[in-house]
Amino acid sequence: MELAKLIPAISTAKRLSKYTIVDQSISYHRTQNRRCLEVIQGIRALLAERDELLNEVNALRTIIALGNVNIQVTRPLISPVMDFMQHEQEFVLTGVSFLFVLILPASMILTGIF
């Protein structure tokens, strides 16, 4: 019952079977893994955009100051974010990304689109 209380979909139910608890737990776990992968992808996109913008700003500063400028560098990510992003492979291994690849048309995979 302790596990059931941690799963929002069944946390208030009075009577539950073991099957329901396990099934809902698996569903909840997969949803959380998918969300984590989406967050990691979002973080990577933001980092890429940050790097592009910083390069552009540095280039403009160099042009305007005729080369006499301090180039800005990116600050390292804080430790909790780095730790979270290092778990990406664990989320992939749970089958979320594997299922996504299975539903892709074979032509996309063979032609290198994906």
PDB file of N, CA and C in Angstrom:
ATOM      1  N   MET A   1       0.816  -1.195   0.000  1.00  0.00           N
ATOM      2  CA  MET A   1       0.000   0.000   0.000  1.00  0.00           C
ATOM      3  C   MET A   1       0.863   1.264   0.000  1.00  0.00           C
ATOM      4  N   GLU A   2       2.067   1.151   0.522  1.00  0.00           N
ATOM      5  CA  GLU A   2       2.948   2.314   0.533  1.00  0.00           C
ATOM      6  C   GLU A   2       3.288   2.743  -0.894  1.00  0.00           C
ATOM      7  N   LEU A   3       3.541   1.777  -1.770  1.00  0.00           N
ATOM      8  CA  LEU A   3       3.811   2.074  -3.174  1.00  0.00           C
ATOM      9  C   LEU A   3       2.603   2.737  -3.820  1.00  0.00           C
ATOM     10  N   ALA A   4       1.419   2.246  -3.542  1.00  0.00           N
ATOM     11  CA  ALA A   4       0.195   2.806  -4.125  1.00  0.00           C
ATOM     12  C   ALA A   4       0.014   4.266  -3.735  1.00  0.00           C
ATOM     13  N   LYS A   5       0.409   4.644  -2.535  1.00  0.00           N
ATOM     14  CA  LYS A   5       0.265   6.027  -2.085  1.00  0.00           C
ATOM     15  C   LYS A   5       1.188   6.975  -2.844  1.00  0.00           C
ATOM     16  N   LEU A   6       2.242   6.449  -3.430  1.00  0.00           N
ATOM     17  CA  LEU A   6       3.192   7.275  -4.179  1.00  0.00           C
ATOM     18  C   LEU A   6       2.778   7.499  -5.626  1.00  0.00           C
ATOM     19  N   ILE A   7       1.742   6.807  -6.074  1.00  0.00           N
ATOM     20  CA  ILE A   7       1.299   6.894  -7.465  1.00  0.00           C
ATOM     21  C   ILE A   7       0.010   7.706  -7.508  1.00  0.00           C
ATOM     22  N   PRO A   8       0.043   8.909  -8.106  1.00  0.00           N
ATOM     23  CA  PRO A   8      -1.120   9.793  -8.076  1.00  0.00           C
ATOM     24  C   PRO A   8      -2.424   9.156  -8.567  1.00  0.00           C
ATOM     25  N   ALA A   9      -2.360   8.337  -9.596  1.00  0.00           N
ATOM     26  CA  ALA A   9      -3.580   7.770 -10.179  1.00  0.00           C
ATOM     27  C   ALA A   9      -4.323   6.850  -9.217  1.00  0.00           C
ATOM     28  N   ILE A  10      -3.626   6.264  -8.259  1.00  0.00           N
ATOM     29  CA  ILE A  10      -4.279   5.312  -7.348  1.00  0.00           C
ATOM     30  C   ILE A  10      -4.049   5.641  -5.875  1.00  0.00           C
ATOM     31  N   SER A  11      -3.495   6.804  -5.597  1.00  0.00           N
ATOM     32  CA  SER A  11      -3.119   7.134  -4.219  1.00  0.00           C
ATOM     33  C   SER A  11      -4.295   7.200  -3.250  1.00  0.00           C
ATOM     34  N   THR A  12      -5.486   7.495  -3.747  1.00  0.00           N
ATOM     35  CA  THR A  12      -6.642   7.624  -2.852  1.00  0.00           C
ATOM     36  C   THR A  12      -7.580   6.425  -2.906  1.00  0.00           C
ATOM     37  N   ALA A  13      -7.254   5.438  -3.707  1.00  0.00           N
ATOM     38  CA  ALA A  13      -8.125   4.257  -3.821  1.00  0.00           C
ATOM     39  C   ALA A  13      -8.122   3.470  -2.514  1.00  0.00           C
ATOM     40  N   LYS A  14      -9.265   2.911  -2.187  1.00  0.00           N
ATOM     41  CA  LYS A  14      -9.412   2.161  -0.928  1.00  0.00           C
ATOM     42  C   LYS A  14      -8.963   0.708  -1.068  1.00  0.00           C
ATOM     43  N   ARG A  15      -9.373   0.047  -2.141  1.00  0.00           N
ATOM     44  CA  ARG A  15      -9.021  -1.365  -2.340  1.00  0.00           C
ATOM     45  C   ARG A  15      -8.317  -1.513  -3.686  1.00  0.00           C
ATOM     46  N   LEU A  16      -7.142  -2.118  -3.632  1.00  0.00           N
ATOM     47  CA  LEU A  16      -6.357  -2.296  -4.851  1.00  0.00           C
ATOM     48  C   LEU A  16      -5.797  -3.707  -4.903  1.00  0.00           C
ATOM     49  N   SER A  17      -5.731  -4.228  -6.121  1.00  0.00           N
ATOM     50  CA  SER A  17      -5.085  -5.531  -6.294  1.00  0.00           C
ATOM     51  C   SER A  17      -3.590  -5.306  -6.515  1.00  0.00           C
ATOM     52  N   LYS A  18      -2.809  -6.343  -6.305  1.00  0.00           N
ATOM     53  CA  LYS A  18      -1.372  -6.251  -6.562  1.00  0.00           C
ATOM     54  C   LYS A  18      -1.129  -5.921  -8.031  1.00  0.00           C
ATOM     55  N   TYR A  19      -1.935  -6.517  -8.906  1.00  0.00           N
ATOM     56  CA  TYR A  19      -1.795  -6.267 -10.337  1.00  0.00           C
ATOM     57  C   TYR A  19      -1.971  -4.779 -10.637  1.00  0.00           C
ATOM     58  N   THR A  20      -3.003  -4.166 -10.070  1.00  0.00           N
ATOM     59  CA  THR A  20      -3.271  -2.751 -10.321  1.00  0.00           C
ATOM     60  C   THR A  20      -2.122  -1.885  -9.826  1.00  0.00           C
ATOM     61  N   ILE A  21      -1.622  -2.187  -8.650  1.00  0.00           N
ATOM     62  CA  ILE A  21      -0.513  -1.406  -8.094  1.00  0.00           C
ATOM     63  C   ILE A  21       0.723  -1.525  -8.977  1.00  0.00           C
ATOM     64  N   VAL A  22       1.058  -2.739  -9.382  1.00  0.00           N
ATOM     65  CA  VAL A  22       2.237  -2.947 -10.229  1.00  0.00           C
ATOM     66  C   VAL A  22       2.035  -2.305 -11.596  1.00  0.00           C
ATOM     67  N   ASP A  23       0.869  -2.503 -12.195  1.00  0.00           N
ATOM     68  CA  ASP A  23       0.579  -1.946 -13.513  1.00  0.00           C
ATOM     69  C   ASP A  23       0.645  -0.417 -13.488  1.00  0.00           C
ATOM     70  N   GLN A  24       0.018   0.199 -12.500  1.00  0.00           N
ATOM     71  CA  GLN A  24       0.032   1.656 -12.399  1.00  0.00           C
ATOM     72  C   GLN A  24       1.434   2.174 -12.067  1.00  0.00           C
ATOM     73  N   SER A  25       2.173   1.409 -11.296  1.00  0.00           N
ATOM     74  CA  SER A  25       3.545   1.786 -10.969  1.00  0.00           C
ATOM     75  C   SER A  25       4.415   1.793 -12.223  1.00  0.00           C
ATOM     76  N   ILE A  26       4.282   0.774 -13.028  1.00  0.00           N
ATOM     77  CA  ILE A  26       5.041   0.705 -14.288  1.00  0.00           C
ATOM     78  C   ILE A  26       4.659   1.863 -15.193  1.00  0.00           C
ATOM     79  N   SER A  27       3.382   2.132 -15.318  1.00  0.00           N
ATOM     80  CA  SER A  27       2.906   3.230 -16.152  1.00  0.00           C
ATOM     81  C   SER A  27       3.458   4.569 -15.660  1.00  0.00           C
ATOM     82  N   TYR A  28       3.391   4.775 -14.368  1.00  0.00           N
ATOM     83  CA  TYR A  28       3.891   6.018 -13.774  1.00  0.00           C
ATOM     84  C   TYR A  28       5.401   6.145 -14.000  1.00  0.00           C
ATOM     85  N   HIS A  29       6.122   5.064 -13.819  1.00  0.00           N
ATOM     86  CA  HIS A  29       7.573   5.056 -14.011  1.00  0.00           C
ATOM     87  C   HIS A  29       7.930   5.397 -15.460  1.00  0.00           C
ATOM     88  N   ARG A  30       7.233   4.818 -16.395  1.00  0.00           N
ATOM     89  CA  ARG A  30       7.494   5.111 -17.819  1.00  0.00           C
ATOM     90  C   ARG A  30       7.200   6.574 -18.141  1.00  0.00           C
ATOM     91  N   THR A  31       6.116   7.090 -17.582  1.00  0.00           N
ATOM     92  CA  THR A  31       5.775   8.495 -17.806  1.00  0.00           C
ATOM     93  C   THR A  31       6.866   9.404 -17.253  1.00  0.00           C
ATOM     94  N   GLN A  32       7.339   9.105 -16.060  1.00  0.00           N
ATOM     95  CA  GLN A  32       8.398   9.909 -15.456  1.00  0.00           C
ATOM     96  C   GLN A  32       9.690   9.821 -16.269  1.00  0.00           C
ATOM     97  N   ASN A  33      10.029   8.656 -16.759  1.00  0.00           N
ATOM     98  CA  ASN A  33      11.228   8.500 -17.596  1.00  0.00           C
ATOM     99  C   ASN A  33      11.108   9.304 -18.882  1.00  0.00           C
ATOM    100  N   ARG A  34       9.928   9.253 -19.513  1.00  0.00           N
ATOM    101  CA  ARG A  34       9.704  10.022 -20.741  1.00  0.00           C
ATOM    102  C   ARG A  34       9.869  11.514 -20.460  1.00  0.00           C
ATOM    103  N   ARG A  35       9.302  11.965 -19.354  1.00  0.00           N
ATOM    104  CA  ARG A  35       9.414  13.379 -18.990  1.00  0.00           C
ATOM    105  C   ARG A  35      10.865  13.766 -18.731  1.00  0.00           C
ATOM    106  N   CYS A  36      11.603  12.910 -18.076  1.00  0.00           N
ATOM    107  CA  CYS A  36      13.019  13.193 -17.815  1.00  0.00           C
ATOM    108  C   CYS A  36      13.803  13.306 -19.115  1.00  0.00           C
ATOM    109  N   LEU A  37      13.539  12.412 -20.060  1.00  0.00           N
ATOM    110  CA  LEU A  37      14.216  12.494 -21.361  1.00  0.00           C
ATOM    111  C   LEU A  37      13.870  13.795 -22.072  1.00  0.00           C
ATOM    112  N   GLU A  38      12.602  14.202 -22.000  1.00  0.00           N
ATOM    113  CA  GLU A  38      12.188  15.453 -22.634  1.00  0.00           C
ATOM    114  C   GLU A  38      12.881  16.644 -21.986  1.00  0.00           C
ATOM    115  N   VAL A  39      13.022  16.622 -20.677  1.00  0.00           N
ATOM    116  CA  VAL A  39      13.706  17.706 -19.971  1.00  0.00           C
ATOM    117  C   VAL A  39      15.180  17.754 -20.376  1.00  0.00           C
ATOM    118  N   ILE A  40      15.819  16.610 -20.459  1.00  0.00           N
ATOM    119  CA  ILE A  40      17.227  16.571 -20.863  1.00  0.00           C
ATOM    120  C   ILE A  40      17.386  17.108 -22.281  1.00  0.00           C
ATOM    121  N   GLN A  41      16.479  16.739 -23.176  1.00  0.00           N
ATOM    122  CA  GLN A  41      16.535  17.262 -24.542  1.00  0.00           C
ATOM    123  C   GLN A  41      16.348  18.776 -24.546  1.00  0.00           C
ATOM    124  N   GLY A  42      15.450  19.273 -23.706  1.00  0.00           N
ATOM    125  CA  GLY A  42      15.237  20.713 -23.593  1.00  0.00           C
ATOM    126  C   GLY A  42      16.470  21.427 -23.065  1.00  0.00           C
ATOM    127  N   ILE A  43      17.111  20.843 -22.070  1.00  0.00           N
ATOM    128  CA  ILE A  43      18.339  21.431 -21.519  1.00  0.00           C
ATOM    129  C   ILE A  43      19.419  21.477 -22.589  1.00  0.00           C
ATOM    130  N   ARG A  44      19.562  20.394 -23.342  1.00  0.00           N
ATOM    131  CA  ARG A  44      20.580  20.367 -24.409  1.00  0.00           C
ATOM    132  C   ARG A  44      20.292  21.436 -25.470  1.00  0.00           C
ATOM    133  N   ALA A  45      19.022  21.626 -25.817  1.00  0.00           N
ATOM    134  CA  ALA A  45      18.652  22.651 -26.795  1.00  0.00           C
ATOM    135  C   ALA A  45      18.972  24.046 -26.257  1.00  0.00           C
ATOM    136  N   LEU A  46      18.663  24.287 -24.993  1.00  0.00           N
ATOM    137  CA  LEU A  46      18.976  25.583 -24.388  1.00  0.00           C
ATOM    138  C   LEU A  46      20.480  25.834 -24.337  1.00  0.00           C
ATOM    139  N   LEU A  47      21.243  24.808 -24.014  1.00  0.00           N
ATOM    140  CA  LEU A  47      22.701  24.957 -23.978  1.00  0.00           C
ATOM    141  C   LEU A  47      23.257  25.268 -25.363  1.00  0.00           C
ATOM    142  N   ALA A  48      22.728  24.607 -26.380  1.00  0.00           N
ATOM    143  CA  ALA A  48      23.186  24.864 -27.751  1.00  0.00           C
ATOM    144  C   ALA A  48      22.858  26.298 -28.161  1.00  0.00           C
ATOM    145  N   GLU A  49      21.646  26.744 -27.828  1.00  0.00           N
ATOM    146  CA  GLU A  49      21.254  28.116 -28.156  1.00  0.00           C
ATOM    147  C   GLU A  49      22.118  29.120 -27.386  1.00  0.00           C
ATOM    148  N   ARG A  50      22.386  28.829 -26.116  1.00  0.00           N
ATOM    149  CA  ARG A  50      23.249  29.699 -25.313  1.00  0.00           C
ATOM    150  C   ARG A  50      24.625  29.822 -25.951  1.00  0.00           C
ATOM    151  N   ASP A  51      25.192  28.706 -26.380  1.00  0.00           N
ATOM    152  CA  ASP A  51      26.522  28.724 -26.989  1.00  0.00           C
ATOM    153  C   ASP A  51      26.530  29.526 -28.286  1.00  0.00           C
ATOM    154  N   GLU A  52      25.490  29.361 -29.106  1.00  0.00           N
ATOM    155  CA  GLU A  52      25.396  30.122 -30.356  1.00  0.00           C
ATOM    156  C   GLU A  52      25.309  31.616 -30.078  1.00  0.00           C
ATOM    157  N   LEU A  53      24.469  31.999 -29.120  1.00  0.00           N
ATOM    158  CA  LEU A  53      24.314  33.415 -28.787  1.00  0.00           C
ATOM    159  C   LEU A  53      25.595  33.996 -28.197  1.00  0.00           C
ATOM    160  N   LEU A  54      26.260  33.240 -27.351  1.00  0.00           N
ATOM    161  CA  LEU A  54      27.509  33.716 -26.755  1.00  0.00           C
ATOM    162  C   LEU A  54      28.583  33.903 -27.822  1.00  0.00           C
ATOM    163  N   ASN A  55      28.653  32.981 -28.772  1.00  0.00           N
ATOM    164  CA  ASN A  55      29.611  33.129 -29.877  1.00  0.00           C
ATOM    165  C   ASN A  55      29.310  34.379 -30.692  1.00  0.00           C
ATOM    166  N   GLU A  56      28.025  34.627 -30.936  1.00  0.00           N
ATOM    167  CA  GLU A  56      27.631  35.810 -31.701  1.00  0.00           C
ATOM    168  C   GLU A  56      27.978  37.093 -30.938  1.00  0.00           C
ATOM    169  N   VAL A  57      27.685  37.121 -29.654  1.00  0.00           N
ATOM    170  CA  VAL A  57      28.005  38.293 -28.832  1.00  0.00           C
ATOM    171  C   VAL A  57      29.513  38.522 -28.798  1.00  0.00           C
ATOM    172  N   ASN A  58      30.277  37.472 -28.620  1.00  0.00           N
ATOM    173  CA  ASN A  58      31.737  37.613 -28.594  1.00  0.00           C
ATOM    174  C   ASN A  58      32.266  38.130 -29.923  1.00  0.00           C
ATOM    175  N   ALA A  59      31.705  37.638 -31.029  1.00  0.00           N
ATOM    176  CA  ALA A  59      32.135  38.110 -32.350  1.00  0.00           C
ATOM    177  C   ALA A  59      31.821  39.594 -32.522  1.00  0.00           C
ATOM    178  N   LEU A  60      30.629  40.001 -32.107  1.00  0.00           N
ATOM    179  CA  LEU A  60      30.256  41.416 -32.221  1.00  0.00           C
ATOM    180  C   LEU A  60      31.116  42.294 -31.316  1.00  0.00           C
ATOM    181  N   ARG A  61      31.400  41.839 -30.124  1.00  0.00           N
ATOM    182  CA  ARG A  61      32.260  42.603 -29.212  1.00  0.00           C
ATOM    183  C   ARG A  61      33.656  42.769 -29.796  1.00  0.00           C
ATOM    184  N   THR A  62      34.155  41.724 -30.437  1.00  0.00           N
ATOM    185  CA  THR A  62      35.481  41.781 -31.046  1.00  0.00           C
ATOM    186  C   THR A  62      35.503  42.801 -32.178  1.00  0.00           C
ATOM    187  N   ILE A  63      34.452  42.823 -32.989  1.00  0.00           N
ATOM    188  CA  ILE A  63      34.375  43.772 -34.106  1.00  0.00           C
ATOM    189  C   ILE A  63      34.279  45.203 -33.590  1.00  0.00           C
ATOM    190  N   ILE A  64      33.411  45.419 -32.622  1.00  0.00           N
ATOM    191  CA  ILE A  64      33.183  46.767 -32.100  1.00  0.00           C
ATOM    192  C   ILE A  64      34.407  47.290 -31.352  1.00  0.00           C
ATOM    193  N   ALA A  65      35.037  46.458 -30.569  1.00  0.00           N
ATOM    194  CA  ALA A  65      36.179  46.889 -29.755  1.00  0.00           C
ATOM    195  C   ALA A  65      37.505  46.715 -30.482  1.00  0.00           C
ATOM    196  N   LEU A  66      37.462  46.353 -31.736  1.00  0.00           N
ATOM    197  CA  LEU A  66      38.657  46.154 -32.544  1.00  0.00           C
ATOM    198  C   LEU A  66      39.630  45.176 -31.893  1.00  0.00           C
ATOM    199  N   GLY A  67      39.097  44.089 -31.375  1.00  0.00           N
ATOM    200  CA  GLY A  67      39.923  43.019 -30.833  1.00  0.00           C
ATOM    201  C   GLY A  67      40.368  43.210 -29.398  1.00  0.00           C
ATOM    202  N   ASN A  68      40.082  44.354 -28.798  1.00  0.00           N
ATOM    203  CA  ASN A  68      40.522  44.621 -27.429  1.00  0.00           C
ATOM    204  C   ASN A  68      39.363  44.401 -26.449  1.00  0.00           C
ATOM    205  N   VAL A  69      38.961  43.139 -26.286  1.00  0.00           N
ATOM    206  CA  VAL A  69      37.794  42.838 -25.457  1.00  0.00           C
ATOM    207  C   VAL A  69      37.989  41.511 -24.734  1.00  0.00           C
ATOM    208  N   ASN A  70      37.367  41.404 -23.587  1.00  0.00           N
ATOM    209  CA  ASN A  70      37.380  40.130 -22.862  1.00  0.00           C
ATOM    210  C   ASN A  70      36.307  39.211 -23.442  1.00  0.00           C
ATOM    211  N   ILE A  71      36.731  38.076 -23.917  1.00  0.00           N
ATOM    212  CA  ILE A  71      35.798  37.096 -24.467  1.00  0.00           C
ATOM    213  C   ILE A  71      35.078  36.399 -23.315  1.00  0.00           C
ATOM    214  N   GLN A  72      33.771  36.360 -23.397  1.00  0.00           N
ATOM    215  CA  GLN A  72      32.967  35.679 -22.380  1.00  0.00           C
ATOM    216  C   GLN A  72      32.948  34.179 -22.662  1.00  0.00           C
ATOM    217  N   VAL A  73      33.075  33.401 -21.612  1.00  0.00           N
ATOM    218  CA  VAL A  73      32.997  31.946 -21.745  1.00  0.00           C
ATOM    219  C   VAL A  73      31.795  31.447 -20.950  1.00  0.00           C
ATOM    220  N   THR A  74      31.336  30.275 -21.310  1.00  0.00           N
ATOM    221  CA  THR A  74      30.176  29.716 -20.616  1.00  0.00           C
ATOM    222  C   THR A  74      30.556  29.290 -19.208  1.00  0.00           C
ATOM    223  N   ARG A  75      29.606  29.445 -18.316  1.00  0.00           N
ATOM    224  CA  ARG A  75      29.798  28.959 -16.952  1.00  0.00           C
ATOM    225  C   ARG A  75      29.429  27.488 -16.916  1.00  0.00           C
ATOM    226  N   PRO A  76      30.104  26.724 -16.088  1.00  0.00           N
ATOM    227  CA  PRO A  76      29.757  25.296 -15.998  1.00  0.00           C
ATOM    228  C   PRO A  76      28.368  25.119 -15.389  1.00  0.00           C
ATOM    229  N   LEU A  77      27.732  24.041 -15.774  1.00  0.00           N
ATOM    230  CA  LEU A  77      26.428  23.725 -15.200  1.00  0.00           C
ATOM    231  C   LEU A  77      26.593  23.351 -13.736  1.00  0.00           C
ATOM    232  N   ILE A  78      25.569  23.626 -12.961  1.00  0.00           N
ATOM    233  CA  ILE A  78      25.638  23.253 -11.550  1.00  0.00           C
ATOM    234  C   ILE A  78      25.569  21.734 -11.424  1.00  0.00           C
ATOM    235  N   SER A  79      26.140  21.253 -10.367  1.00  0.00           N
ATOM    236  CA  SER A  79      26.293  19.811 -10.167  1.00  0.00           C
ATOM    237  C   SER A  79      24.989  19.011 -10.272  1.00  0.00           C
ATOM    238  N   PRO A  80      23.876  19.451  -9.657  1.00  0.00           N
ATOM    239  CA  PRO A  80      22.645  18.652  -9.772  1.00  0.00           C
ATOM    240  C   PRO A  80      22.160  18.491 -11.216  1.00  0.00           C
ATOM    241  N   VAL A  81      22.361  19.525 -12.029  1.00  0.00           N
ATOM    242  CA  VAL A  81      21.947  19.431 -13.436  1.00  0.00           C
ATOM    243  C   VAL A  81      22.841  18.444 -14.172  1.00  0.00           C
ATOM    244  N   MET A  82      24.144  18.520 -13.930  1.00  0.00           N
ATOM    245  CA  MET A  82      25.068  17.575 -14.564  1.00  0.00           C
ATOM    246  C   MET A  82      24.750  16.141 -14.150  1.00  0.00           C
ATOM    247  N   ASP A  83      24.489  15.942 -12.863  1.00  0.00           N
ATOM    248  CA  ASP A  83      24.147  14.602 -12.374  1.00  0.00           C
ATOM    249  C   ASP A  83      22.891  14.082 -13.054  1.00  0.00           C
ATOM    250  N   PHE A  84      21.885  14.945 -13.168  1.00  0.00           N
ATOM    251  CA  PHE A  84      20.626  14.552 -13.800  1.00  0.00           C
ATOM    252  C   PHE A  84      20.848  14.162 -15.259  1.00  0.00           C
ATOM    253  N   MET A  85      21.616  14.962 -15.978  1.00  0.00           N
ATOM    254  CA  MET A  85      21.839  14.699 -17.396  1.00  0.00           C
ATOM    255  C   MET A  85      22.670  13.440 -17.618  1.00  0.00           C
ATOM    256  N   GLN A  86      23.491  13.061 -16.647  1.00  0.00           N
ATOM    257  CA  GLN A  86      24.288  11.846 -16.786  1.00  0.00           C
ATOM    258  C   GLN A  86      23.437  10.586 -16.682  1.00  0.00           C
ATOM    259  N   HIS A  87      22.218  10.722 -16.224  1.00  0.00           N
ATOM    260  CA  HIS A  87      21.322   9.573 -16.112  1.00  0.00           C
ATOM    261  C   HIS A  87      20.510   9.336 -17.388  1.00  0.00           C
ATOM    262  N   GLU A  88      20.783  10.101 -18.430  1.00  0.00           N
ATOM    263  CA  GLU A  88      20.026   9.980 -19.674  1.00  0.00           C
ATOM    264  C   GLU A  88      20.029   8.548 -20.200  1.00  0.00           C
ATOM    265  N   GLN A  89      21.171   7.900 -20.162  1.00  0.00           N
ATOM    266  CA  GLN A  89      21.263   6.534 -20.687  1.00  0.00           C
ATOM    267  C   GLN A  89      20.355   5.585 -19.915  1.00  0.00           C
ATOM    268  N   GLU A  90      20.205   5.808 -18.617  1.00  0.00           N
ATOM    269  CA  GLU A  90      19.303   4.970 -17.824  1.00  0.00           C
ATOM    270  C   GLU A  90      17.867   5.120 -18.306  1.00  0.00           C
ATOM    271  N   PHE A  91      17.467   6.350 -18.621  1.00  0.00           N
ATOM    272  CA  PHE A  91      16.112   6.578 -19.109  1.00  0.00           C
ATOM    273  C   PHE A  91      15.913   5.915 -20.466  1.00  0.00           C
ATOM    274  N   VAL A  92      16.946   5.970 -21.296  1.00  0.00           N
ATOM    275  CA  VAL A  92      16.866   5.350 -22.620  1.00  0.00           C
ATOM    276  C   VAL A  92      16.762   3.837 -22.487  1.00  0.00           C
ATOM    277  N   LEU A  93      17.516   3.251 -21.582  1.00  0.00           N
ATOM    278  CA  LEU A  93      17.531   1.799 -21.421  1.00  0.00           C
ATOM    279  C   LEU A  93      16.230   1.240 -20.860  1.00  0.00           C
ATOM    280  N   THR A  94      15.389   2.085 -20.296  1.00  0.00           N
ATOM    281  CA  THR A  94      14.119   1.598 -19.756  1.00  0.00           C
ATOM    282  C   THR A  94      13.131   1.261 -20.857  1.00  0.00           C
ATOM    283  N   GLY A  95      13.467   1.595 -22.094  1.00  0.00           N
ATOM    284  CA  GLY A  95      12.599   1.227 -23.198  1.00  0.00           C
ATOM    285  C   GLY A  95      11.848   2.383 -23.813  1.00  0.00           C
ATOM    286  N   VAL A  96      11.909   3.566 -23.224  1.00  0.00           N
ATOM    287  CA  VAL A  96      11.166   4.693 -23.762  1.00  0.00           C
ATOM    288  C   VAL A  96      11.656   5.025 -25.161  1.00  0.00           C
ATOM    289  N   SER A  97      12.957   5.229 -25.320  1.00  0.00           N
ATOM    290  CA  SER A  97      13.491   5.556 -26.637  1.00  0.00           C
ATOM    291  C   SER A  97      13.452   4.347 -27.558  1.00  0.00           C
ATOM    292  N   PHE A  98      13.644   3.152 -27.001  1.00  0.00           N
ATOM    293  CA  PHE A  98      13.599   1.945 -27.810  1.00  0.00           C
ATOM    294  C   PHE A  98      12.227   1.793 -28.461  1.00  0.00           C
ATOM    295  N   LEU A  99      11.159   2.052 -27.710  1.00  0.00           N
ATOM    296  CA  LEU A  99       9.815   1.965 -28.269  1.00  0.00           C
ATOM    297  C   LEU A  99       9.622   2.995 -29.362  1.00  0.00           C
ATOM    298  N   PHE A 100      10.181   4.199 -29.175  1.00  0.00           N
ATOM    299  CA  PHE A 100      10.063   5.241 -30.174  1.00  0.00           C
ATOM    300  C   PHE A 100      10.717   4.806 -31.481  1.00  0.00           C
ATOM    301  N   VAL A 101      11.884   4.207 -31.389  1.00  0.00           N
ATOM    302  CA  VAL A 101      12.597   3.745 -32.582  1.00  0.00           C
ATOM    303  C   VAL A 101      11.813   2.641 -33.274  1.00  0.00           C
ATOM    304  N   LEU A 102      11.162   1.787 -32.515  1.00  0.00           N
ATOM    305  CA  LEU A 102      10.404   0.697 -33.117  1.00  0.00           C
ATOM    306  C   LEU A 102       9.256   1.182 -33.984  1.00  0.00           C
ATOM    307  N   ILE A 103       8.684   2.340 -33.672  1.00  0.00           N
ATOM    308  CA  ILE A 103       7.537   2.806 -34.446  1.00  0.00           C
ATOM    309  C   ILE A 103       7.937   3.723 -35.600  1.00  0.00           C
ATOM    310  N   LEU A 104       9.220   4.025 -35.728  1.00  0.00           N
ATOM    311  CA  LEU A 104       9.664   4.832 -36.859  1.00  0.00           C
ATOM    312  C   LEU A 104       9.579   4.011 -38.139  1.00  0.00           C
ATOM    313  N   PRO A 105       9.185   4.644 -39.231  1.00  0.00           N
ATOM    314  CA  PRO A 105       9.209   3.924 -40.501  1.00  0.00           C
ATOM    315  C   PRO A 105      10.635   3.502 -40.843  1.00  0.00           C
ATOM    316  N   ALA A 106      10.773   2.307 -41.350  1.00  0.00           N
ATOM    317  CA  ALA A 106      12.094   1.779 -41.696  1.00  0.00           C
ATOM    318  C   ALA A 106      12.804   2.677 -42.702  1.00  0.00           C
ATOM    319  N   SER A 107      12.057   3.310 -43.610  1.00  0.00           N
ATOM    320  CA  SER A 107      12.675   4.172 -44.616  1.00  0.00           C
ATOM    321  C   SER A 107      13.391   5.352 -43.972  1.00  0.00           C
ATOM    322  N   MET A 108      12.858   5.863 -42.851  1.00  0.00           N
ATOM    323  CA  MET A 108      13.511   6.978 -42.162  1.00  0.00           C
ATOM    324  C   MET A 108      14.841   6.535 -41.576  1.00  0.00           C
ATOM    325  N   ILE A 109      14.873   5.348 -41.033  1.00  0.00           N
ATOM    326  CA  ILE A 109      16.098   4.841 -40.428  1.00  0.00           C
ATOM    327  C   ILE A 109      17.125   4.522 -41.508  1.00  0.00           C
ATOM    328  N   LEU A 110      16.691   3.870 -42.584  1.00  0.00           N
ATOM    329  CA  LEU A 110      17.609   3.451 -43.642  1.00  0.00           C
ATOM    330  C   LEU A 110      18.190   4.625 -44.407  1.00  0.00           C
ATOM    331  N   THR A 111      17.413   5.706 -44.572  1.00  0.00           N
ATOM    332  CA  THR A 111      17.907   6.851 -45.323  1.00  0.00           C
ATOM    333  C   THR A 111      18.689   7.821 -44.458  1.00  0.00           C
ATOM    334  N   GLY A 112      18.756   7.536 -43.168  1.00  0.00           N
ATOM    335  CA  GLY A 112      19.526   8.390 -42.277  1.00  0.00           C
ATOM    336  C   GLY A 112      18.792   9.628 -41.817  1.00  0.00           C
ATOM    337  N   ILE A 113      17.478   9.698 -42.054  1.00  0.00           N
ATOM    338  CA  ILE A 113      16.711  10.849 -41.585  1.00  0.00           C
ATOM    339  C   ILE A 113      16.691  10.874 -40.073  1.00  0.00           C
ATOM    340  N   PHE A 114      16.679   9.693 -39.475  1.00  0.00           N
ATOM    341  CA  PHE A 114      16.675   9.628 -38.013  1.00  0.00           C
ATOM    342  C   PHE A 114      17.966   9.021 -37.553  1.00  0.00           C
TER     343      PHE A 114
END
